[in-house]
Amino acid sequence: MLIVSNKTSIARIPVKLHRRVCLVLTEDALLAEEILARKKLASDISGRLTNEVLLVRTGRLESVVAELQRMGHTPQVLQR
């Protein structure tokens, strides 16, 4: 079924734009949960953007990378 309307409605969604942030991109949601379950890492994560993307607190990149290496992971740091 196709419904056509002459009215155009524009919904506004509040958005915050952040520049120069560090993200942890995981392959799946389970790995992100594992990261958040670690107390040391959870304190360095400020939020979860999607199931696989975590936002790192400002200035905490080095400690996150070090803790991921202690967990046995091999994180890659990319600069874009």
C-alpha atoms as a PDB file:
ATOM      1  CA  MET A   1       0.000   0.000   0.000  1.00  0.00           C
ATOM      2  CA  LEU A   2       1.332   3.431  -0.924  1.00  0.00           C
ATOM      3  CA  ILE A   3       0.168   6.516   0.918  1.00  0.00           C
ATOM      4  CA  VAL A   4       0.994   9.898  -0.549  1.00  0.00           C
ATOM      5  CA  SER A   5       0.649  13.063   1.474  1.00  0.00           C
ATOM      6  CA  ASN A   6       0.986  16.667   0.394  1.00  0.00           C
ATOM      7  CA  LYS A   7       2.224  17.688   3.843  1.00  0.00           C
ATOM      8  CA  THR A   8       5.931  17.512   4.456  1.00  0.00           C
ATOM      9  CA  SER A   9       6.852  17.014   8.067  1.00  0.00           C
ATOM     10  CA  ILE A  10      10.395  17.505   9.198  1.00  0.00           C
ATOM     11  CA  ALA A  11      11.358  15.968  12.517  1.00  0.00           C
ATOM     12  CA  ARG A  12      14.231  17.506  14.389  1.00  0.00           C
ATOM     13  CA  ILE A  13      16.538  15.196  16.260  1.00  0.00           C
ATOM     14  CA  PRO A  14      18.904  16.733  18.815  1.00  0.00           C
ATOM     15  CA  VAL A  15      22.479  15.876  17.908  1.00  0.00           C
ATOM     16  CA  LYS A  16      25.820  16.615  19.551  1.00  0.00           C
ATOM     17  CA  LEU A  17      28.885  16.897  17.367  1.00  0.00           C
ATOM     18  CA  HIS A  18      32.181  15.905  18.959  1.00  0.00           C
ATOM     19  CA  ARG A  19      35.537  16.352  17.303  1.00  0.00           C
ATOM     20  CA  ARG A  20      38.762  14.514  17.999  1.00  0.00           C
ATOM     21  CA  VAL A  21      37.301  11.705  20.058  1.00  0.00           C
ATOM     22  CA  CYS A  22      38.652   8.206  20.592  1.00  0.00           C
ATOM     23  CA  LEU A  23      36.448   5.246  19.817  1.00  0.00           C
ATOM     24  CA  VAL A  24      36.772   1.539  20.457  1.00  0.00           C
ATOM     25  CA  LEU A  25      35.332  -0.386  17.507  1.00  0.00           C
ATOM     26  CA  THR A  26      34.663  -4.030  18.317  1.00  0.00           C
ATOM     27  CA  GLU A  27      33.749  -6.866  15.980  1.00  0.00           C
ATOM     28  CA  ASP A  28      30.619  -7.775  17.909  1.00  0.00           C
ATOM     29  CA  ALA A  29      28.445  -6.669  20.818  1.00  0.00           C
ATOM     30  CA  LEU A  30      29.708  -9.482  23.053  1.00  0.00           C
ATOM     31  CA  LEU A  31      33.259  -8.117  22.956  1.00  0.00           C
ATOM     32  CA  ALA A  32      31.988  -4.644  23.841  1.00  0.00           C
ATOM     33  CA  GLU A  33      30.165  -6.162  26.828  1.00  0.00           C
ATOM     34  CA  GLU A  34      33.384  -7.906  27.879  1.00  0.00           C
ATOM     35  CA  ILE A  35      35.233  -4.589  27.769  1.00  0.00           C
ATOM     36  CA  LEU A  36      32.544  -2.838  29.813  1.00  0.00           C
ATOM     37  CA  ALA A  37      32.609  -5.659  32.373  1.00  0.00           C
ATOM     38  CA  ARG A  38      36.223  -4.840  33.298  1.00  0.00           C
ATOM     39  CA  LYS A  39      36.281  -2.204  36.060  1.00  0.00           C
ATOM     40  CA  LYS A  40      39.452  -0.544  34.790  1.00  0.00           C
ATOM     41  CA  LEU A  41      38.122  -0.224  31.260  1.00  0.00           C
ATOM     42  CA  ALA A  42      34.580   0.708  32.263  1.00  0.00           C
ATOM     43  CA  SER A  43      35.889   3.766  34.120  1.00  0.00           C
ATOM     44  CA  ASP A  44      37.701   4.896  30.946  1.00  0.00           C
ATOM     45  CA  ILE A  45      34.631   4.519  28.728  1.00  0.00           C
ATOM     46  CA  SER A  46      32.260   7.481  28.732  1.00  0.00           C
ATOM     47  CA  GLY A  47      29.498   5.969  26.629  1.00  0.00           C
ATOM     48  CA  ARG A  48      28.250   3.457  24.137  1.00  0.00           C
ATOM     49  CA  LEU A  49      27.325   4.781  20.709  1.00  0.00           C
ATOM     50  CA  THR A  50      26.154   1.478  19.207  1.00  0.00           C
ATOM     51  CA  ASN A  51      26.374  -2.172  20.199  1.00  0.00           C
ATOM     52  CA  GLU A  52      29.920  -2.334  18.787  1.00  0.00           C
ATOM     53  CA  VAL A  53      31.224   1.238  19.336  1.00  0.00           C
ATOM     54  CA  LEU A  54      32.417   2.628  22.680  1.00  0.00           C
ATOM     55  CA  LEU A  55      33.410   6.243  23.373  1.00  0.00           C
ATOM     56  CA  VAL A  56      36.680   6.680  25.313  1.00  0.00           C
ATOM     57  CA  ARG A  57      37.059   9.454  27.889  1.00  0.00           C
ATOM     58  CA  THR A  58      39.347  12.314  26.918  1.00  0.00           C
ATOM     59  CA  GLY A  59      42.996  11.571  27.656  1.00  0.00           C
ATOM     60  CA  ARG A  60      42.423   7.899  28.500  1.00  0.00           C
ATOM     61  CA  LEU A  61      43.456   6.302  25.192  1.00  0.00           C
ATOM     62  CA  GLU A  62      46.813   5.012  26.425  1.00  0.00           C
ATOM     63  CA  SER A  63      45.326   3.300  29.479  1.00  0.00           C
ATOM     64  CA  VAL A  64      42.578   1.710  27.364  1.00  0.00           C
ATOM     65  CA  VAL A  65      45.114   0.345  24.873  1.00  0.00           C
ATOM     66  CA  ALA A  66      47.322  -0.971  27.691  1.00  0.00           C
ATOM     67  CA  GLU A  67      44.410  -2.705  29.423  1.00  0.00           C
ATOM     68  CA  LEU A  68      43.184  -4.240  26.154  1.00  0.00           C
ATOM     69  CA  GLN A  69      46.692  -5.629  25.611  1.00  0.00           C
ATOM     70  CA  ARG A  70      46.675  -7.087  29.148  1.00  0.00           C
ATOM     71  CA  MET A  71      43.390  -8.800  28.244  1.00  0.00           C
ATOM     72  CA  GLY A  72      45.168 -10.461  25.302  1.00  0.00           C
ATOM     73  CA  HIS A  73      43.738  -8.287  22.533  1.00  0.00           C
ATOM     74  CA  THR A  74      45.799  -6.577  19.842  1.00  0.00           C
ATOM     75  CA  PRO A  75      44.250  -3.114  19.462  1.00  0.00           C
ATOM     76  CA  GLN A  76      45.116  -1.004  16.443  1.00  0.00           C
ATOM     77  CA  VAL A  77      45.290   2.763  16.862  1.00  0.00           C
ATOM     78  CA  LEU A  78      44.222   4.598  13.740  1.00  0.00           C
ATOM     79  CA  GLN A  79      44.416   8.327  13.238  1.00  0.00           C
ATOM     80  CA  ARG A  80      42.004   9.889  10.790  1.00  0.00           C
END
